[in-house]
Amino acid sequence: MVFELRLFFVILRQQMAFNLLMKMKRMILLVLAVLALTGSALAAGKNFPPDNKNVKLTSTNLPIVWINVNGQTIDRYERITARMKIIYNGAGRLNYADTVAIPGQNIDYEGYVALRYRGSSSFSSSDKKPYSFRPLDKPLEEGGEKKKVNILGMGKDNNWAIIAPYADKSMMRDLLAYELARPWMEYSPQGRYCELFLDNIYYGVYIMMEVVSKGKHRLNLSDPGESGDEITGGYIMEVNRVENEVTYTSNYHPVSKTGVPYNYRYINFQYKSPDYEDLTADQISYINGQIDKMEKSLWTYMPPKQGRYSEYLDVTNFIDYQIIQELSHNVDGYRLSGKFFKRRDSEDPRFKMVVWDMNLTFGNANYYDGWCTDNWIYENNDIINSADDPHLVPFWWYKLNTDPNYVFALKARWAQCRRANMREDHIMALVDSLAHVLTVNNAESRNYRAWPRWGRYVWPNYYVAANFADEVAWLKQWIRDRLAWMDEQLGFDPNAHERGDVNGDDVVDINDVTALIDYLMNGNADGIDVDAADCNQDGDAAISDVTALTDYLLSGNW
């Protein structure tokens, strides 16, 4: 069957235009996926139960989530009505599975939800399936409407995901990446570990997650209107798979590591909010046009000129997005789940990125050099294309990294991050904290009993750990190696004083000028980094350093 399909595609390539071929290929893949899903559901049993369906949970530090579907089969595309109940007694307190023997526990949420499976590879390549749900005021069969609820302190919303850590045996890569991104990005999703029961069977440790969507506690975007400023925002888009619904195709091709276009590869977009079918023709025309303007400004940029692309994209935001993709070495970075958004022009006319889908990160992939610590993910197109994978990194990132001004700002931002929450000691403490949450009351052990995978390869693991402690130790060493390589490439010395950070707050700004002048006038060294105050590096702090620091703030150059 596989041979016949390959032969079929070879013949099609010889006889048909590429875009028609891709449409037919996607249709065939969709049919095969449906057939595979049907077969796997029958083979795995209803609703993909864990290997061990008899794991007992008495008490846990994690919230307990019960989902009751009354024997229904959960679907990947169509939502079904389910009941959900969440017990969470607060930080530092245990939660008990036996609510009859231990009454009076805090019910964080109880009610109907519209439930389905979610995810692409996280669904198809994982025995442990993730879920999407929307809280309902009553069952779907009775005309139930979605409602906004506050779940586990993450703010009211009506769109939620339950992530199923499986290939990521540390169960922390998503949360680790989001926490590292949080201080720098306008929005980074929140998540909470929980332990889940489905129809009273223990399914293991999951993560209750916010979804990247519009909302007061998410991306606080207005809905687009019909004309004027209102038609300019807000929109959420995504660079993603060709197998999914493609709602816009770029006019510009991905490029190789050296900037040569792959003329038979395309960048494909999906519109996430509003849904594509809810957009008017004028709205589609507008947002397509804005993407094209942004891409044209990048495509036509030639160093060393100043790039006009800053009119169309938020440079600092793109740098922050690049830093988290590269620090985590996200093998799917930029090219899949590449979410970005646009506000109304009156608020901010520039496109911005959002971090999402970070489970195949921090060395957790045995393909496309995903395990490596010594290369850039944004330069990965040559190896991806050689594998005949159509999902290439958009040319944006190559172009940005040819601009000396962008690279200068990237290096400065990396230094700022490394002196703040991306310090090695801070990252290691964060890993230890997440590990403690998972082990202090044996949640990780229960998950392992339900899904015994230690010492076994799970796609796409590069390192096959013997146990949880082994996995965490390997993850921490990988991060150390990655930090060291990026420091070398971006010219950062973690042991050096930051030049110009006179007041030691990890930011070089006008406050440092004030602190330096006060130090020179009054001689009070309290709170002053005297080495950093030597801005012109002549061996002494003097009035000439005020001039050097001021020039730096105005020009960006020492």
Protein backbone atom coordinates (compact mmCIF):
# COMPACT_ATOMS: atom_id res chain seq x y z
CA MET A 1 0.00 0.00 0.00
CA VAL A 2 2.81 2.42 0.89
CA PHE A 3 4.65 1.59 -2.38
CA GLU A 4 1.55 2.16 -4.49
CA LEU A 5 0.93 5.53 -2.83
CA ARG A 6 4.53 6.66 -3.46
CA LEU A 7 4.28 5.61 -7.12
CA PHE A 8 0.99 7.48 -7.38
CA PHE A 9 2.60 10.69 -6.11
CA VAL A 10 5.55 10.32 -8.51
CA ILE A 11 3.18 10.09 -11.49
CA LEU A 12 1.18 13.07 -10.22
CA ARG A 13 4.32 15.18 -9.88
CA GLN A 14 5.10 14.52 -13.53
CA GLN A 15 1.65 15.41 -14.79
CA MET A 16 0.17 18.10 -12.52
CA ALA A 17 1.03 21.51 -11.09
CA PHE A 18 2.45 21.42 -7.58
CA ASN A 19 -0.41 23.21 -5.85
CA LEU A 20 -2.98 20.78 -7.28
CA LEU A 21 -0.76 17.88 -6.22
CA MET A 22 -0.62 19.18 -2.67
CA LYS A 23 -4.41 19.50 -2.51
CA MET A 24 -4.87 15.90 -3.63
CA LYS A 25 -2.09 14.69 -1.34
CA ARG A 26 -3.73 16.38 1.63
CA MET A 27 -7.05 14.76 0.74
CA ILE A 28 -5.48 11.30 0.58
CA LEU A 29 -3.59 11.84 3.82
CA LEU A 30 -6.80 12.95 5.50
CA VAL A 31 -8.60 9.78 4.35
CA LEU A 32 -5.72 7.61 5.53
CA ALA A 33 -5.66 9.46 8.86
CA VAL A 34 -9.38 8.82 9.38
CA LEU A 35 -8.93 5.13 8.52
CA ALA A 36 -5.92 4.90 10.83
CA LEU A 37 -7.81 6.63 13.61
CA THR A 38 -10.74 4.24 13.24
CA GLY A 39 -8.46 1.23 13.31
CA SER A 40 -6.41 2.47 16.24
CA ALA A 41 -9.54 3.24 18.24
CA LEU A 42 -10.75 -0.31 17.76
CA ALA A 43 -7.33 -1.73 18.60
CA ALA A 44 -6.75 0.42 21.65
CA GLY A 45 -10.21 0.05 23.09
CA LYS A 46 -12.67 2.83 23.73
CA ASN A 47 -11.07 6.18 24.54
CA PHE A 48 -7.47 4.93 24.58
CA PRO A 49 -7.16 3.76 28.21
CA PRO A 50 -3.71 3.46 29.83
CA ASP A 51 -1.82 0.17 29.91
CA ASN A 52 -2.68 -0.29 33.57
CA LYS A 53 -6.31 0.62 34.28
CA ASN A 54 -6.09 -0.27 37.98
CA VAL A 55 -3.86 2.50 39.37
CA LYS A 56 -5.23 3.84 42.65
CA LEU A 57 -5.05 7.45 43.80
CA THR A 58 -5.77 8.23 47.46
CA SER A 59 -4.35 11.73 47.85
CA THR A 60 -2.26 14.12 45.80
CA ASN A 61 -0.89 17.65 45.85
CA LEU A 62 -2.20 18.10 42.29
CA PRO A 63 -5.78 19.03 41.36
CA ILE A 64 -7.91 15.99 40.56
CA VAL A 65 -9.97 16.16 37.34
CA TRP A 66 -12.84 13.76 36.70
CA ILE A 67 -14.32 13.53 33.21
CA ASN A 68 -17.41 11.40 32.75
CA VAL A 69 -18.55 10.59 29.20
CA ASN A 70 -20.89 7.76 30.27
CA GLY A 71 -19.27 5.29 27.91
CA GLN A 72 -19.44 7.52 24.82
CA THR A 73 -16.55 7.41 22.36
CA ILE A 74 -14.64 10.68 22.33
CA ASP A 75 -14.13 12.05 18.82
CA ARG A 76 -11.18 13.98 17.39
CA TYR A 77 -13.25 16.49 15.46
CA GLU A 78 -16.82 16.59 16.80
CA ARG A 79 -17.43 17.54 20.43
CA ILE A 80 -19.52 15.41 22.76
CA THR A 81 -21.18 16.31 26.04
CA ALA A 82 -19.27 15.27 29.16
CA ARG A 83 -19.38 16.09 32.87
CA MET A 84 -16.30 17.51 34.52
CA LYS A 85 -15.45 17.93 38.19
CA ILE A 86 -12.23 19.41 39.55
CA ILE A 87 -11.16 19.10 43.19
CA TYR A 88 -8.48 21.51 44.34
CA ASN A 89 -8.04 22.50 47.97
CA GLY A 90 -5.32 25.07 47.38
CA ALA A 91 -1.54 25.30 47.40
CA GLY A 92 0.13 23.24 50.12
CA ARG A 93 -2.98 21.14 50.78
CA LEU A 94 -3.77 17.61 49.66
CA ASN A 95 -6.66 16.66 47.41
CA TYR A 96 -8.48 13.38 48.03
CA ALA A 97 -10.04 11.11 45.42
CA ASP A 98 -12.62 9.71 47.84
CA THR A 99 -14.98 12.67 48.16
CA VAL A 100 -17.45 10.62 50.22
CA ALA A 101 -14.94 9.70 52.91
CA ILE A 102 -13.39 13.21 52.75
CA PRO A 103 -16.34 15.58 52.24
CA GLY A 104 -16.18 19.36 52.14
CA GLN A 105 -13.32 19.62 49.65
CA ASN A 106 -13.14 22.62 47.37
CA ILE A 107 -14.78 22.10 44.00
CA ASP A 108 -12.91 24.31 41.55
CA TYR A 109 -15.32 23.53 38.71
CA GLU A 110 -18.25 21.19 38.21
CA GLY A 111 -20.49 21.13 35.17
CA TYR A 112 -20.96 20.16 31.56
CA VAL A 113 -18.25 20.49 28.94
CA ALA A 114 -18.07 20.03 25.17
CA LEU A 115 -15.18 17.59 24.80
CA ARG A 116 -13.03 16.29 21.95
CA TYR A 117 -9.48 15.14 21.33
CA ARG A 118 -6.94 17.72 20.12
CA GLY A 119 -3.45 17.90 18.65
CA SER A 120 -1.61 16.72 15.54
CA SER A 121 1.48 14.61 16.30
CA SER A 122 0.65 14.87 20.02
CA PHE A 123 -2.50 12.91 19.17
CA SER A 124 -1.45 10.61 16.33
CA SER A 125 1.95 9.64 17.78
CA SER A 126 0.96 9.39 21.42
CA ASP A 127 -0.81 6.61 23.28
CA LYS A 128 -1.86 9.18 25.88
CA LYS A 129 -4.28 11.57 24.16
CA PRO A 130 -4.77 15.32 24.78
CA TYR A 131 -8.19 16.95 25.03
CA SER A 132 -9.93 20.20 24.16
CA PHE A 133 -13.01 21.32 26.06
CA ARG A 134 -15.42 24.21 26.39
CA PRO A 135 -17.51 24.64 29.57
CA LEU A 136 -21.28 24.54 28.87
CA ASP A 137 -24.34 25.90 30.61
CA LYS A 138 -26.22 22.66 29.75
CA PRO A 139 -25.71 19.58 27.55
CA LEU A 140 -25.15 20.05 23.82
CA GLU A 141 -28.23 17.91 23.19
CA GLU A 142 -30.31 20.53 25.01
CA GLY A 143 -28.84 23.45 23.08
CA GLY A 144 -25.96 24.04 25.49
CA GLU A 145 -23.91 27.20 24.98
CA LYS A 146 -20.28 27.71 25.94
CA LYS A 147 -19.61 29.76 29.05
CA LYS A 148 -16.55 31.37 30.60
CA VAL A 149 -15.23 29.88 33.83
CA ASN A 150 -12.15 30.42 35.97
CA ILE A 151 -10.26 27.14 36.16
CA LEU A 152 -7.49 26.69 38.73
CA GLY A 153 -6.95 30.44 39.02
CA MET A 154 -6.12 31.01 35.36
CA GLY A 155 -8.90 33.51 34.67
CA LYS A 156 -12.32 33.16 33.07
CA ASP A 157 -12.44 31.77 29.56
CA ASN A 158 -14.41 29.26 27.49
CA ASN A 159 -11.58 27.58 25.60
CA TRP A 160 -9.29 25.11 27.39
CA ALA A 161 -6.89 22.27 26.64
CA ILE A 162 -5.75 19.29 28.70
CA ILE A 163 -2.24 18.49 27.51
CA ALA A 164 -1.05 14.88 27.80
CA PRO A 165 2.74 14.70 28.43
CA TYR A 166 3.86 11.46 26.81
CA ALA A 167 6.86 11.79 24.49
CA ASP A 168 8.13 14.39 26.96
CA LYS A 169 8.83 12.00 29.84
CA SER A 170 9.95 14.86 32.08
CA MET A 171 6.38 16.20 31.69
CA MET A 172 7.77 19.73 32.09
CA ARG A 173 9.08 20.98 28.74
CA ASP A 174 5.92 22.90 27.81
CA LEU A 175 5.62 24.60 31.19
CA LEU A 176 9.36 25.28 31.36
CA ALA A 177 9.33 27.06 28.00
CA TYR A 178 6.22 29.12 28.83
CA GLU A 179 7.67 30.22 32.17
CA LEU A 180 10.96 31.28 30.58
CA ALA A 181 9.06 33.26 27.94
CA ARG A 182 6.58 34.86 30.35
CA PRO A 183 8.57 37.93 31.49
CA TRP A 184 9.37 38.92 27.90
CA MET A 185 6.29 38.09 25.84
CA GLU A 186 3.03 40.02 25.89
CA TYR A 187 1.25 36.72 26.49
CA SER A 188 2.52 33.27 27.46
CA PRO A 189 0.01 30.48 28.23
CA GLN A 190 -0.47 29.28 31.79
CA GLY A 191 -0.81 25.65 32.80
CA ARG A 192 -1.40 23.56 35.93
CA TYR A 193 -0.47 19.94 36.54
CA CYS A 194 -3.41 17.70 37.41
CA GLU A 195 -4.27 14.00 37.70
CA LEU A 196 -7.11 12.83 35.52
CA PHE A 197 -9.83 10.18 35.68
CA LEU A 198 -11.94 9.31 32.65
CA ASP A 199 -15.08 7.30 33.43
CA ASN A 200 -13.46 6.46 36.79
CA ILE A 201 -10.27 5.04 35.22
CA TYR A 202 -7.03 6.72 36.30
CA TYR A 203 -5.35 8.17 33.19
CA GLY A 204 -2.28 9.82 34.75
CA VAL A 205 -0.67 13.27 34.99
CA TYR A 206 -1.91 15.92 32.56
CA ILE A 207 -1.59 19.70 32.25
CA MET A 208 -4.68 21.90 32.36
CA MET A 209 -3.77 24.62 29.86
CA GLU A 210 -4.90 27.94 28.57
CA VAL A 211 -5.26 28.01 24.79
CA VAL A 212 -3.85 30.85 22.70
CA SER A 213 -7.10 32.64 21.96
CA LYS A 214 -8.91 35.93 22.38
CA GLY A 215 -10.03 36.81 25.89
CA LYS A 216 -9.59 39.24 28.75
CA HIS A 217 -7.10 36.89 30.41
CA ARG A 218 -5.47 35.74 27.15
CA LEU A 219 -4.88 37.90 24.07
CA ASN A 220 -7.14 40.84 24.81
CA LEU A 221 -8.04 41.63 21.20
CA SER A 222 -11.10 43.34 19.77
CA ASP A 223 -13.10 41.54 17.11
CA PRO A 224 -12.52 43.02 13.64
CA GLY A 225 -15.19 45.27 12.20
CA GLU A 226 -16.27 46.01 8.66
CA SER A 227 -14.35 49.18 7.80
CA GLY A 228 -11.97 51.88 8.95
CA ASP A 229 -9.80 51.22 11.96
CA GLU A 230 -12.12 48.42 13.12
CA ILE A 231 -11.30 46.19 10.13
CA THR A 232 -7.59 46.31 11.03
CA GLY A 233 -7.83 44.07 14.12
CA GLY A 234 -7.76 41.87 15.92
CA TYR A 235 -6.75 38.67 14.19
CA ILE A 236 -4.94 35.51 15.29
CA MET A 237 -3.15 33.54 12.58
CA GLU A 238 -0.88 30.51 12.50
CA VAL A 239 1.87 29.07 10.30
CA ASN A 240 1.03 25.38 10.30
CA ARG A 241 0.62 22.08 8.49
CA VAL A 242 -0.57 21.73 4.91
CA GLU A 243 -2.70 18.77 6.04
CA ASN A 244 -4.86 21.22 7.98
CA GLU A 245 -7.13 23.76 6.34
CA VAL A 246 -4.93 26.30 4.51
CA THR A 247 -6.62 29.69 4.38
CA TYR A 248 -3.75 31.74 2.91
CA THR A 249 -0.55 30.83 1.08
CA SER A 250 2.42 33.18 1.10
CA ASN A 251 3.61 34.85 -2.08
CA TYR A 252 7.20 34.17 -0.97
CA HIS A 253 9.05 30.89 -0.61
CA PRO A 254 11.10 29.51 2.27
CA VAL A 255 14.85 29.76 1.76
CA SER A 256 17.93 27.67 2.39
CA LYS A 257 20.56 28.33 5.04
CA THR A 258 22.28 30.62 2.52
CA GLY A 259 19.11 32.39 1.37
CA VAL A 260 18.38 30.43 -1.83
CA PRO A 261 14.59 30.09 -2.32
CA TYR A 262 12.93 26.67 -2.36
CA ASN A 263 10.64 27.53 -5.28
CA TYR A 264 8.41 24.50 -4.82
CA ARG A 265 7.85 24.98 -1.12
CA TYR A 266 5.28 27.30 0.42
CA ILE A 267 4.43 28.98 3.71
CA ASN A 268 0.85 28.15 4.66
CA PHE A 269 -1.34 30.03 7.08
CA GLN A 270 -4.53 29.33 8.98
CA TYR A 271 -6.84 31.91 10.51
CA LYS A 272 -7.62 30.99 14.11
CA SER A 273 -9.66 33.94 15.37
CA PRO A 274 -12.07 34.82 14.00
CA ASP A 275 -12.63 31.44 12.37
CA TYR A 276 -12.02 31.65 8.65
CA GLU A 277 -15.66 30.92 7.81
CA ASP A 278 -16.71 33.86 10.00
CA LEU A 279 -14.51 36.39 8.19
CA THR A 280 -16.02 38.66 5.55
CA ALA A 281 -14.45 39.02 2.11
CA ASP A 282 -13.20 42.50 3.06
CA GLN A 283 -11.63 41.24 6.28
CA ILE A 284 -9.89 38.40 4.44
CA SER A 285 -8.63 40.80 1.80
CA TYR A 286 -7.34 43.18 4.47
CA ILE A 287 -5.44 40.68 6.62
CA ASN A 288 -4.04 38.83 3.58
CA GLY A 289 -2.78 42.18 2.33
CA GLN A 290 -1.13 43.02 5.65
CA ILE A 291 0.69 39.70 5.78
CA ASP A 292 1.85 40.28 2.23
CA LYS A 293 3.11 43.79 3.07
CA MET A 294 5.01 42.44 6.07
CA GLU A 295 6.54 39.65 4.01
CA LYS A 296 7.41 41.95 1.11
CA SER A 297 9.21 44.34 3.47
CA LEU A 298 11.35 41.40 4.65
CA TRP A 299 11.83 39.77 1.25
CA THR A 300 13.14 42.98 -0.33
CA TYR A 301 15.39 43.88 2.60
CA MET A 302 19.08 43.97 1.69
CA PRO A 303 21.75 44.56 4.34
CA PRO A 304 23.29 46.83 5.45
CA LYS A 305 20.29 49.11 4.84
CA GLN A 306 17.86 49.79 7.69
CA GLY A 307 14.96 47.36 7.28
CA ARG A 308 11.48 48.85 6.77
CA TYR A 309 10.01 45.64 8.17
CA SER A 310 9.85 47.27 11.63
CA GLU A 311 6.74 49.10 10.39
CA TYR A 312 4.96 45.74 10.08
CA LEU A 313 6.36 43.55 12.86
CA ASP A 314 7.32 44.16 16.48
CA VAL A 315 11.08 43.62 16.37
CA THR A 316 11.49 43.16 20.14
CA ASN A 317 8.67 40.63 20.20
CA PHE A 318 10.18 38.67 17.29
CA ILE A 319 13.55 38.67 19.08
CA ASP A 320 11.94 37.35 22.27
CA TYR A 321 10.16 34.65 20.26
CA GLN A 322 13.41 33.68 18.55
CA ILE A 323 15.24 33.47 21.87
CA ILE A 324 12.77 31.00 23.39
CA GLN A 325 12.62 28.92 20.17
CA GLU A 326 16.41 28.75 20.02
CA LEU A 327 17.10 28.29 23.73
CA SER A 328 14.69 25.35 23.75
CA HIS A 329 15.92 24.23 20.29
CA ASN A 330 12.33 23.60 19.22
CA VAL A 331 12.59 21.13 16.34
CA ASP A 332 9.17 22.31 15.11
CA GLY A 333 9.98 25.95 15.85
CA TYR A 334 8.80 28.74 13.52
CA ARG A 335 7.30 26.30 10.97
CA LEU A 336 4.53 24.58 12.96
CA SER A 337 2.14 26.11 15.52
CA GLY A 338 3.70 29.47 14.63
CA LYS A 339 1.00 31.63 16.17
CA PHE A 340 0.97 35.37 15.59
CA PHE A 341 -1.58 38.16 15.96
CA LYS A 342 -2.44 41.71 14.99
CA ARG A 343 -4.25 44.40 16.94
CA ARG A 344 -6.13 47.33 15.46
CA ASP A 345 -3.88 49.94 13.88
CA SER A 346 -4.94 52.52 16.47
CA GLU A 347 -3.54 50.24 19.20
CA ASP A 348 -0.51 48.71 17.46
CA PRO A 349 -0.27 48.03 13.71
CA ARG A 350 2.54 45.45 13.98
CA PHE A 351 2.38 41.65 13.96
CA LYS A 352 3.49 39.84 17.13
CA MET A 353 4.32 36.19 17.87
CA VAL A 354 3.05 33.88 20.64
CA VAL A 355 4.87 30.83 22.02
CA TRP A 356 2.92 27.55 21.73
CA ASP A 357 3.45 23.77 21.42
CA MET A 358 6.80 23.24 23.13
CA ASN A 359 6.89 19.52 23.97
CA LEU A 360 9.54 18.56 21.37
CA THR A 361 12.11 20.92 22.85
CA PHE A 362 15.23 20.88 25.04
CA GLY A 363 16.76 17.93 23.14
CA ASN A 364 13.60 15.81 23.06
CA ALA A 365 13.70 14.86 19.35
CA ASN A 366 15.77 12.39 17.34
CA TYR A 367 15.09 14.03 13.96
CA TYR A 368 16.26 17.21 12.18
CA ASP A 369 19.17 17.46 14.68
CA GLY A 370 16.63 18.13 17.41
CA TRP A 371 18.95 16.74 20.09
CA CYS A 372 21.85 19.03 19.19
CA THR A 373 22.97 21.96 21.31
CA ASP A 374 25.28 23.56 18.73
CA ASN A 375 23.17 24.83 15.82
CA TRP A 376 20.37 27.30 15.07
CA ILE A 377 16.87 25.98 14.48
CA TYR A 378 16.02 28.88 12.15
CA GLU A 379 18.70 27.54 9.74
CA ASN A 380 17.19 24.04 9.63
CA ASN A 381 15.47 24.23 6.23
CA ASP A 382 18.15 22.32 4.31
CA ILE A 383 17.83 19.22 6.47
CA ILE A 384 14.02 19.50 6.62
CA ASN A 385 13.71 19.85 2.85
CA SER A 386 16.08 16.93 2.24
CA ALA A 387 13.62 14.76 4.15
CA ASP A 388 10.86 15.89 1.74
CA ASP A 389 9.00 17.59 4.58
CA PRO A 390 6.91 20.49 3.18
CA HIS A 391 6.82 22.34 6.50
CA LEU A 392 9.78 24.68 6.24
CA VAL A 393 10.80 27.64 8.39
CA PRO A 394 9.42 30.89 6.91
CA PHE A 395 12.06 33.04 5.23
CA TRP A 396 11.35 35.78 7.80
CA TRP A 397 13.93 34.44 10.23
CA TYR A 398 16.74 34.18 7.69
CA LYS A 399 16.12 37.77 6.58
CA LEU A 400 15.94 39.14 10.11
CA ASN A 401 19.22 37.51 11.02
CA THR A 402 20.98 39.12 8.05
CA ASP A 403 20.21 42.59 9.44
CA PRO A 404 23.11 43.84 11.61
CA ASN A 405 20.69 46.02 13.59
CA TYR A 406 18.47 43.05 14.38
CA VAL A 407 21.45 40.91 15.37
CA PHE A 408 22.79 43.69 17.59
CA ALA A 409 19.42 43.94 19.33
CA LEU A 410 19.23 40.14 19.60
CA LYS A 411 22.60 40.00 21.35
CA ALA A 412 21.63 42.79 23.73
CA ARG A 413 18.32 41.09 24.55
CA TRP A 414 20.05 37.74 25.10
CA ALA A 415 22.39 39.40 27.60
CA GLN A 416 19.40 40.95 29.35
CA CYS A 417 17.59 37.58 29.51
CA ARG A 418 20.70 35.79 30.75
CA ARG A 419 21.06 38.25 33.60
CA ALA A 420 17.40 37.75 34.56
CA ASN A 421 15.22 34.63 34.48
CA MET A 422 17.43 32.80 31.97
CA ARG A 423 20.37 32.63 34.37
CA GLU A 424 21.57 29.06 34.63
CA ASP A 425 20.89 28.89 38.36
CA HIS A 426 17.35 30.20 37.86
CA ILE A 427 16.56 27.69 35.11
CA MET A 428 17.93 24.81 37.19
CA ALA A 429 15.84 25.95 40.17
CA LEU A 430 12.75 26.08 37.94
CA VAL A 431 13.40 22.53 36.69
CA ASP A 432 13.86 21.33 40.27
CA SER A 433 10.64 23.06 41.32
CA LEU A 434 8.61 21.41 38.55
CA ALA A 435 10.18 18.04 39.38
CA HIS A 436 9.29 18.48 43.05
CA VAL A 437 5.65 19.17 42.22
CA LEU A 438 5.53 15.92 40.25
CA THR A 439 7.27 13.75 42.84
CA VAL A 440 6.45 15.09 46.31
CA ASN A 441 3.24 13.02 46.53
CA ASN A 442 4.12 10.39 43.93
CA ALA A 443 2.13 11.74 40.97
CA GLU A 444 4.99 10.88 38.59
CA SER A 445 5.12 7.34 40.02
CA ARG A 446 1.38 6.85 39.49
CA ASN A 447 1.68 8.15 35.94
CA TYR A 448 4.48 5.65 35.29
CA ARG A 449 2.39 2.78 36.62
CA ALA A 450 -0.43 3.76 34.26
CA TRP A 451 1.95 4.32 31.32
CA PRO A 452 5.14 2.25 31.95
CA ARG A 453 7.55 3.90 29.53
CA TRP A 454 10.84 4.32 31.42
CA GLY A 455 13.65 2.53 29.61
CA ARG A 456 11.53 2.33 26.44
CA TYR A 457 11.81 4.42 23.29
CA VAL A 458 8.82 6.66 22.64
CA TRP A 459 8.77 8.65 19.38
CA PRO A 460 10.71 10.90 18.96
CA ASN A 461 12.95 10.51 22.04
CA TYR A 462 16.67 11.01 21.49
CA TYR A 463 17.62 10.05 25.04
CA VAL A 464 15.86 7.04 26.60
CA ALA A 465 16.01 7.58 30.35
CA ALA A 466 15.90 4.78 32.89
CA ASN A 467 13.74 6.75 35.34
CA PHE A 468 12.47 10.23 36.17
CA ALA A 469 15.62 11.35 38.00
CA ASP A 470 17.71 10.23 35.04
CA GLU A 471 15.50 12.19 32.61
CA VAL A 472 15.70 15.36 34.70
CA ALA A 473 19.48 15.09 35.06
CA TRP A 474 19.87 14.68 31.28
CA LEU A 475 17.54 17.64 30.64
CA LYS A 476 19.54 19.89 32.97
CA GLN A 477 22.85 18.99 31.35
CA TRP A 478 21.39 19.59 27.90
CA ILE A 479 20.27 23.07 29.00
CA ARG A 480 23.73 23.87 30.39
CA ASP A 481 25.34 22.89 27.10
CA ARG A 482 22.80 24.91 25.10
CA LEU A 483 23.32 28.02 27.22
CA ALA A 484 27.09 27.77 26.81
CA TRP A 485 26.85 27.47 23.01
CA MET A 486 24.39 30.38 22.66
CA ASP A 487 26.53 32.52 24.98
CA GLU A 488 29.50 31.92 22.73
CA GLN A 489 27.56 32.68 19.55
CA LEU A 490 25.91 35.82 20.92
CA GLY A 491 28.96 37.15 22.72
CA PHE A 492 27.73 36.93 26.29
CA ASP A 493 29.98 36.23 29.26
CA PRO A 494 27.79 35.17 32.22
CA ASN A 495 30.61 35.94 34.65
CA ALA A 496 31.30 39.47 33.41
CA HIS A 497 29.83 42.69 34.77
CA GLU A 498 27.29 44.21 32.43
CA ARG A 499 28.84 47.36 31.05
CA GLY A 500 26.72 50.38 31.95
CA ASP A 501 24.40 48.61 34.42
CA VAL A 502 25.49 51.00 37.16
CA ASN A 503 22.58 50.33 39.52
CA GLY A 504 22.69 46.53 39.01
CA ASP A 505 19.05 46.07 37.97
CA ASP A 506 19.96 44.06 34.83
CA VAL A 507 18.80 46.87 32.53
CA VAL A 508 20.95 49.61 30.98
CA ASP A 509 18.77 52.73 30.80
CA ILE A 510 18.50 56.36 31.90
CA ASN A 511 18.35 55.27 35.55
CA ASP A 512 21.98 54.18 35.25
CA VAL A 513 22.97 57.65 34.08
CA THR A 514 21.28 59.13 37.16
CA ALA A 515 22.97 56.57 39.44
CA LEU A 516 26.37 57.24 37.89
CA ILE A 517 26.07 61.02 38.26
CA ASP A 518 24.93 60.62 41.88
CA TYR A 519 27.89 58.33 42.58
CA LEU A 520 30.39 60.73 41.01
CA MET A 521 28.96 63.74 42.85
CA ASN A 522 28.42 62.19 46.29
CA GLY A 523 30.83 59.25 46.37
CA ASN A 524 28.14 56.95 47.79
CA ALA A 525 28.78 53.47 46.36
CA ASP A 526 25.75 51.82 48.00
CA GLY A 527 23.92 49.88 45.29
CA ILE A 528 26.53 50.83 42.67
CA ASP A 529 28.42 48.32 40.51
CA VAL A 530 31.70 50.22 40.24
CA ASP A 531 33.09 47.90 37.55
CA ALA A 532 30.00 48.36 35.38
CA ALA A 533 30.26 52.14 35.93
CA ASP A 534 33.53 52.17 33.97
CA CYS A 535 31.57 52.57 30.75
CA ASN A 536 34.49 53.63 28.53
CA GLN A 537 36.63 50.89 30.08
CA ASP A 538 39.62 53.10 30.83
CA GLY A 539 40.04 51.66 34.30
CA ASP A 540 38.19 54.33 36.29
CA ALA A 541 34.69 55.74 36.77
CA ALA A 542 34.64 59.42 35.79
CA ILE A 543 32.55 62.07 34.02
CA SER A 544 33.73 60.66 30.67
CA ASP A 545 31.75 57.51 31.53
CA VAL A 546 28.56 59.58 31.75
CA THR A 547 29.22 60.74 28.19
CA ALA A 548 29.97 57.18 27.03
CA LEU A 549 26.81 55.81 28.68
CA THR A 550 24.65 58.59 27.23
CA ASP A 551 26.05 58.00 23.75
CA TYR A 552 25.31 54.28 24.11
CA LEU A 553 21.68 54.89 25.07
CA LEU A 554 21.24 57.21 22.08
CA SER A 555 23.09 55.14 19.47
CA GLY A 556 23.10 51.54 20.76
CA ASN A 557 26.85 51.37 20.27
CA TRP A 558 29.70 51.55 22.77
